[in-house]
């Protein structure tokens, strides 16, 4: 480009600040009125939490309408698929005598205990194996083998070792919550930028201080991905845990409804598990956003 043409481009830029100087191979850009796949309309609908929540409710609402239409048309018997009104009525009956709140409270308590304990163990052991070559060589094969054991395979052994009390139930949930956070932390620490670690050591950081100050902040997104997976696994393992001679909890309500032919209560329990699981995941998502802003 000659000096004269460069001056011309600068003059054009002063006259029209939104214009982009032309370069070799450049073509006409989009005009101000043009739209894109992520235009203002899309950003308006999905740009706020409330907007995303409304959009996310569309499919559930459609499914409930289809469910109501199918039952109203008599496509299924009430035993196969009760109507939405029957499920709501079953929930009101359980709430009226107080049993529903006891089932929810004991299940939430078991999940949170198992999630916290499994998360702490996963974070600790994942950090040790991710940072120590010797620990990795010694323990990684064993942990990988244990991870392959199905959840229900632990039930008879836990009953034999711990009985049918709360300890065996919470321990099973701990096992389910442990592996997602362990796997994510372990893999993330293996891929931390070595130059970042060397810079920390140059500033005198070693051992636990290096882990807390340099390495864990570098893997915060992976840690919270593991925590959210661990929370989901905790809810999945809850049902298996409450098969262990349980008389309370949503898992018990699920199996009790099946045994008594109460499909309305069975569907109610499934919906409650989905809703409460989503609420706990959303709360953890808010914590994740604050942690990422703080550490990343």
Protein backbone atom coordinates (compact mmCIF):
# COMPACT_ATOMS: atom_id res chain seq x y z
CA UNK A 1 0.00 0.00 0.00
CA UNK A 2 1.36 3.42 -0.98
CA UNK A 3 1.55 6.34 1.49
CA UNK A 4 -1.17 8.11 -0.42
CA UNK A 5 -3.59 5.20 -0.24
CA UNK A 6 -2.80 4.75 3.47
CA UNK A 7 -3.67 8.41 4.11
CA UNK A 8 -6.88 7.96 2.14
CA UNK A 9 -7.89 4.98 4.28
CA UNK A 10 -7.19 6.96 7.45
CA UNK A 11 -9.29 9.86 6.19
CA UNK A 12 -12.14 7.47 5.35
CA UNK A 13 -11.88 5.99 8.83
CA UNK A 14 -12.24 9.44 10.39
CA UNK A 15 -15.32 10.16 8.30
CA UNK A 16 -16.89 6.73 9.13
CA UNK A 17 -15.51 5.30 12.37
CA UNK A 18 -17.43 2.02 11.90
CA UNK A 19 -15.79 1.28 8.56
CA UNK A 20 -12.90 -1.17 8.22
CA UNK A 21 -10.07 -0.26 5.88
CA UNK A 22 -9.97 -2.42 2.80
CA UNK A 23 -7.10 -4.84 2.46
CA UNK A 24 -5.89 -7.34 -0.06
CA UNK A 25 -8.54 -9.94 -0.77
CA UNK A 26 -11.15 -8.27 1.44
CA UNK A 27 -14.71 -8.23 0.24
CA UNK A 28 -17.73 -6.20 1.17
CA UNK A 29 -18.59 -6.75 4.84
CA UNK A 30 -22.07 -7.07 6.31
CA UNK A 31 -24.08 -3.90 6.45
CA UNK A 32 -25.33 -2.43 9.71
CA UNK A 33 -28.81 -3.76 9.13
CA UNK A 34 -27.62 -7.32 8.51
CA UNK A 35 -28.29 -10.13 11.00
CA UNK A 36 -26.49 -13.29 12.00
CA UNK A 37 -27.21 -16.61 13.65
CA UNK A 38 -26.51 -15.02 17.02
CA UNK A 39 -28.21 -11.71 16.33
CA UNK A 40 -29.93 -9.36 18.75
CA UNK A 41 -33.10 -11.48 18.82
CA UNK A 42 -31.24 -14.58 19.95
CA UNK A 43 -29.20 -12.65 22.48
CA UNK A 44 -32.39 -11.08 23.82
CA UNK A 45 -34.04 -14.47 24.40
CA UNK A 46 -31.01 -16.25 25.84
CA UNK A 47 -28.97 -13.37 27.21
CA UNK A 48 -30.50 -13.43 30.70
CA UNK A 49 -31.03 -16.25 33.21
CA UNK A 50 -34.79 -15.61 33.17
CA UNK A 51 -34.90 -15.85 29.38
CA UNK A 52 -32.95 -19.10 29.38
CA UNK A 53 -35.21 -20.50 32.10
CA UNK A 54 -38.32 -19.70 30.05
CA UNK A 55 -36.85 -21.29 26.93
CA UNK A 56 -35.78 -24.33 28.95
CA UNK A 57 -39.36 -24.83 30.19
CA UNK A 58 -40.81 -25.07 26.68
CA UNK A 59 -40.06 -28.77 26.13
CA UNK A 60 -41.27 -29.87 29.61
CA UNK A 61 -44.53 -27.96 29.07
CA UNK A 62 -45.01 -29.60 25.67
CA UNK A 63 -44.34 -33.03 27.20
CA UNK A 64 -46.91 -32.43 29.97
CA UNK A 65 -49.50 -31.35 27.38
CA UNK A 66 -48.77 -34.47 25.31
CA UNK A 67 -49.01 -36.59 28.48
CA UNK A 68 -52.39 -35.06 29.35
CA UNK A 69 -53.67 -35.53 25.79
CA UNK A 70 -52.59 -39.18 25.69
CA UNK A 71 -54.31 -40.01 28.97
CA UNK A 72 -57.45 -38.01 28.09
CA UNK A 73 -57.72 -39.89 24.78
CA UNK A 74 -57.52 -43.23 26.60
CA UNK A 75 -54.37 -44.38 24.81
CA UNK A 76 -53.06 -45.87 28.08
CA UNK A 77 -54.75 -47.41 31.06
CA UNK A 78 -54.43 -45.56 34.41
CA UNK A 79 -52.13 -48.34 35.64
CA UNK A 80 -49.77 -47.85 32.70
CA UNK A 81 -49.84 -44.06 32.63
CA UNK A 82 -51.96 -42.10 35.10
CA UNK A 83 -53.05 -38.60 34.21
CA UNK A 84 -51.14 -35.52 35.37
CA UNK A 85 -54.05 -34.72 37.69
CA UNK A 86 -53.72 -38.15 39.36
CA UNK A 87 -49.99 -37.58 39.93
CA UNK A 88 -50.65 -34.15 41.43
CA UNK A 89 -53.36 -35.63 43.64
CA UNK A 90 -50.96 -38.34 44.86
CA UNK A 91 -48.41 -35.65 45.71
CA UNK A 92 -51.01 -33.65 47.64
CA UNK A 93 -52.03 -36.72 49.64
CA UNK A 94 -48.42 -37.52 50.56
CA UNK A 95 -47.72 -33.90 51.45
CA UNK A 96 -50.86 -33.66 53.58
CA UNK A 97 -49.81 -36.46 55.93
CA UNK A 98 -46.21 -35.18 56.01
CA UNK A 99 -44.59 -38.33 54.63
CA UNK A 100 -43.51 -36.67 51.38
CA UNK A 101 -41.37 -34.11 53.22
CA UNK A 102 -39.72 -36.84 55.29
CA UNK A 103 -38.87 -38.81 52.14
CA UNK A 104 -37.39 -35.71 50.49
CA UNK A 105 -35.46 -34.61 53.59
CA UNK A 106 -33.81 -37.98 54.24
CA UNK A 107 -32.83 -38.40 50.58
CA UNK A 108 -31.35 -34.89 50.35
CA UNK A 109 -29.44 -35.51 53.57
CA UNK A 110 -27.98 -38.78 52.25
CA UNK A 111 -27.03 -37.24 48.91
CA UNK A 112 -25.35 -34.20 50.46
CA UNK A 113 -23.39 -36.28 52.97
CA UNK A 114 -22.22 -38.70 50.30
CA UNK A 115 -21.47 -35.90 47.84
CA UNK A 116 -19.39 -33.89 50.30
CA UNK A 117 -17.41 -36.88 51.53
CA UNK A 118 -16.90 -38.31 48.05
CA UNK A 119 -15.97 -34.89 46.66
CA UNK A 120 -13.36 -34.27 49.36
CA UNK A 121 -11.84 -37.73 48.89
CA UNK A 122 -11.88 -37.35 45.10
CA UNK A 123 -10.22 -33.94 45.27
CA UNK A 124 -7.58 -35.18 47.71
CA UNK A 125 -6.69 -38.46 45.99
CA UNK A 126 -6.96 -36.92 42.51
CA UNK A 127 -4.51 -34.22 43.57
CA UNK A 128 -2.07 -36.76 45.01
CA UNK A 129 -2.08 -38.96 41.90
CA UNK A 130 -2.04 -35.95 39.58
CA UNK A 131 1.07 -34.52 41.23
CA UNK A 132 3.03 -37.64 42.26
CA UNK A 133 4.46 -40.01 39.67
CA UNK A 134 4.97 -42.70 42.32
CA UNK A 135 1.40 -42.43 43.62
CA UNK A 136 0.12 -42.52 40.05
CA UNK A 137 2.05 -45.70 39.26
CA UNK A 138 1.00 -47.39 42.51
CA UNK A 139 -2.68 -46.47 42.78
CA UNK A 140 -4.01 -45.59 39.31
CA UNK A 141 -4.45 -49.24 38.15
CA UNK A 142 -6.31 -50.19 41.35
CA UNK A 143 -8.60 -47.14 41.27
CA UNK A 144 -9.31 -47.74 37.58
CA UNK A 145 -10.36 -51.32 38.34
CA UNK A 146 -12.61 -50.27 41.25
CA UNK A 147 -14.25 -47.64 39.06
CA UNK A 148 -15.43 -50.39 36.69
CA UNK A 149 -17.45 -52.16 39.44
CA UNK A 150 -21.23 -51.55 38.99
CA UNK A 151 -22.99 -49.73 41.81
CA UNK A 152 -25.32 -52.61 42.74
CA UNK A 153 -22.33 -54.94 43.13
CA UNK A 154 -21.34 -53.02 46.26
CA UNK A 155 -24.71 -53.46 47.99
CA UNK A 156 -24.29 -57.01 49.42
CA UNK A 157 -20.74 -56.28 50.58
CA UNK A 158 -21.72 -53.03 52.28
CA UNK A 159 -24.61 -54.77 54.05
CA UNK A 160 -22.21 -57.48 55.25
CA UNK A 161 -19.64 -54.96 56.49
CA UNK A 162 -21.81 -52.12 57.78
CA UNK A 163 -25.28 -53.52 58.27
CA UNK A 164 -28.47 -51.94 56.98
CA UNK A 165 -28.14 -48.56 58.73
CA UNK A 166 -27.24 -45.16 57.34
CA UNK A 167 -23.52 -45.93 57.10
CA UNK A 168 -23.91 -48.42 54.24
CA UNK A 169 -26.26 -46.12 52.32
CA UNK A 170 -24.05 -43.05 52.61
CA UNK A 171 -20.93 -45.09 51.78
CA UNK A 172 -22.49 -46.26 48.51
CA UNK A 173 -23.24 -42.64 47.56
CA UNK A 174 -19.67 -41.69 48.51
CA UNK A 175 -18.40 -44.32 46.06
CA UNK A 176 -20.59 -42.89 43.31
CA UNK A 177 -19.55 -39.28 43.97
CA UNK A 178 -15.85 -40.05 44.32
CA UNK A 179 -14.93 -41.12 40.80
CA UNK A 180 -16.11 -38.15 38.68
CA UNK A 181 -14.24 -35.57 40.77
CA UNK A 182 -11.20 -37.83 41.11
CA UNK A 183 -11.02 -38.40 37.34
CA UNK A 184 -11.40 -34.71 36.45
CA UNK A 185 -8.89 -33.43 39.01
CA UNK A 186 -6.38 -36.16 38.19
CA UNK A 187 -6.55 -35.54 34.43
CA UNK A 188 -6.54 -31.73 34.77
CA UNK A 189 -3.47 -31.66 37.03
CA UNK A 190 -1.62 -33.85 34.55
CA UNK A 191 -2.12 -31.16 31.92
CA UNK A 192 -1.32 -28.01 33.93
CA UNK A 193 1.11 -25.81 32.02
CA UNK A 194 4.60 -26.78 33.31
CA UNK A 195 5.83 -23.23 32.72
CA UNK A 196 3.19 -22.00 35.18
CA UNK A 197 4.41 -24.51 37.77
CA UNK A 198 8.02 -23.49 37.23
CA UNK A 199 7.09 -19.84 37.65
CA UNK A 200 5.44 -20.70 40.97
CA UNK A 201 8.51 -22.56 42.15
CA UNK A 202 10.65 -19.60 41.15
CA UNK A 203 8.60 -17.52 43.58
CA UNK A 204 9.28 -20.04 46.36
CA UNK A 205 6.02 -22.03 46.20
CA UNK A 206 6.38 -25.75 46.91
CA UNK A 207 4.22 -28.66 48.02
CA UNK A 208 0.80 -27.78 49.40
CA UNK A 209 1.33 -24.05 48.89
CA UNK A 210 2.13 -24.63 45.20
CA UNK A 211 -0.98 -26.80 44.85
CA UNK A 212 -3.25 -24.28 46.57
CA UNK A 213 -1.82 -21.15 44.94
CA UNK A 214 -0.91 -22.24 41.40
CA UNK A 215 -2.17 -25.65 40.38
CA UNK A 216 -5.71 -25.87 41.78
CA UNK A 217 -6.69 -22.37 40.52
CA UNK A 218 -5.48 -23.47 37.08
CA UNK A 219 -7.92 -26.41 37.08
CA UNK A 220 -10.96 -24.74 38.67
CA UNK A 221 -13.23 -25.33 35.63
CA UNK A 222 -12.29 -29.03 35.57
CA UNK A 223 -12.83 -29.31 39.32
CA UNK A 224 -16.35 -27.94 39.06
CA UNK A 225 -17.14 -30.09 36.03
CA UNK A 226 -16.17 -33.06 38.18
CA UNK A 227 -18.24 -31.77 41.11
CA UNK A 228 -21.35 -31.42 38.96
CA UNK A 229 -20.87 -34.91 37.56
CA UNK A 230 -20.29 -36.18 41.10
CA UNK A 231 -23.55 -34.58 42.26
CA UNK A 232 -25.43 -36.25 39.41
CA UNK A 233 -23.83 -39.58 40.29
CA UNK A 234 -24.79 -39.10 43.94
CA UNK A 235 -28.46 -38.84 42.95
CA UNK A 236 -28.11 -41.89 40.69
CA UNK A 237 -26.53 -43.94 43.48
CA UNK A 238 -29.20 -42.78 45.93
CA UNK A 239 -31.81 -45.15 44.52
CA UNK A 240 -29.40 -48.08 44.77
CA UNK A 241 -28.47 -47.01 48.30
CA UNK A 242 -32.09 -46.87 49.42
CA UNK A 243 -32.60 -50.44 48.26
CA UNK A 244 -30.61 -51.45 51.38
CA UNK A 245 -33.54 -52.22 53.72
CA UNK A 246 -34.67 -48.60 53.69
CA UNK A 247 -37.99 -47.44 55.06
CA UNK A 248 -37.66 -43.75 54.12
CA UNK A 249 -36.41 -41.73 51.17
CA UNK A 250 -37.33 -41.16 47.55
CA UNK A 251 -35.65 -44.39 46.48
CA UNK A 252 -37.80 -46.30 48.98
CA UNK A 253 -40.91 -44.46 47.77
CA UNK A 254 -40.01 -45.45 44.22
CA UNK A 255 -39.73 -49.18 44.95
CA UNK A 256 -42.67 -49.15 47.38
CA UNK A 257 -44.88 -47.56 44.71
CA UNK A 258 -43.81 -50.22 42.22
CA UNK A 259 -44.56 -53.05 44.64
CA UNK A 260 -48.01 -51.63 45.46
CA UNK A 261 -48.96 -50.80 41.88
CA UNK A 262 -49.12 -47.05 42.58
CA UNK A 263 -47.94 -45.75 39.22
CA UNK A 264 -49.06 -42.25 40.13
CA UNK A 265 -46.68 -42.17 43.10
CA UNK A 266 -43.94 -43.80 41.04
CA UNK A 267 -44.12 -41.06 38.39
CA UNK A 268 -44.33 -38.42 41.13
CA UNK A 269 -41.10 -39.75 42.64
CA UNK A 270 -39.31 -39.71 39.28
CA UNK A 271 -40.38 -36.09 38.74
CA UNK A 272 -39.24 -35.13 42.24
CA UNK A 273 -35.83 -36.75 41.68
CA UNK A 274 -35.47 -34.81 38.42
CA UNK A 275 -36.56 -31.47 39.89
CA UNK A 276 -34.52 -31.69 43.10
CA UNK A 277 -31.48 -32.92 41.18
CA UNK A 278 -31.79 -29.96 38.81
CA UNK A 279 -32.15 -27.51 41.69
CA UNK A 280 -29.03 -28.78 43.43
CA UNK A 281 -27.12 -28.69 40.14
CA UNK A 282 -28.24 -25.09 39.55
CA UNK A 283 -27.03 -24.09 43.03
CA UNK A 284 -23.67 -25.71 42.35
CA UNK A 285 -23.57 -23.89 39.00
CA UNK A 286 -23.90 -20.54 40.79
CA UNK A 287 -21.02 -21.49 43.10
CA UNK A 288 -19.01 -22.47 40.02
CA UNK A 289 -19.53 -19.07 38.39
CA UNK A 290 -18.35 -17.24 41.49
CA UNK A 291 -15.33 -19.52 41.88
CA UNK A 292 -14.32 -19.11 38.24
CA UNK A 293 -14.56 -15.31 38.54
CA UNK A 294 -12.49 -15.50 41.71
CA UNK A 295 -9.74 -17.90 40.57
CA UNK A 296 -9.61 -17.87 36.78
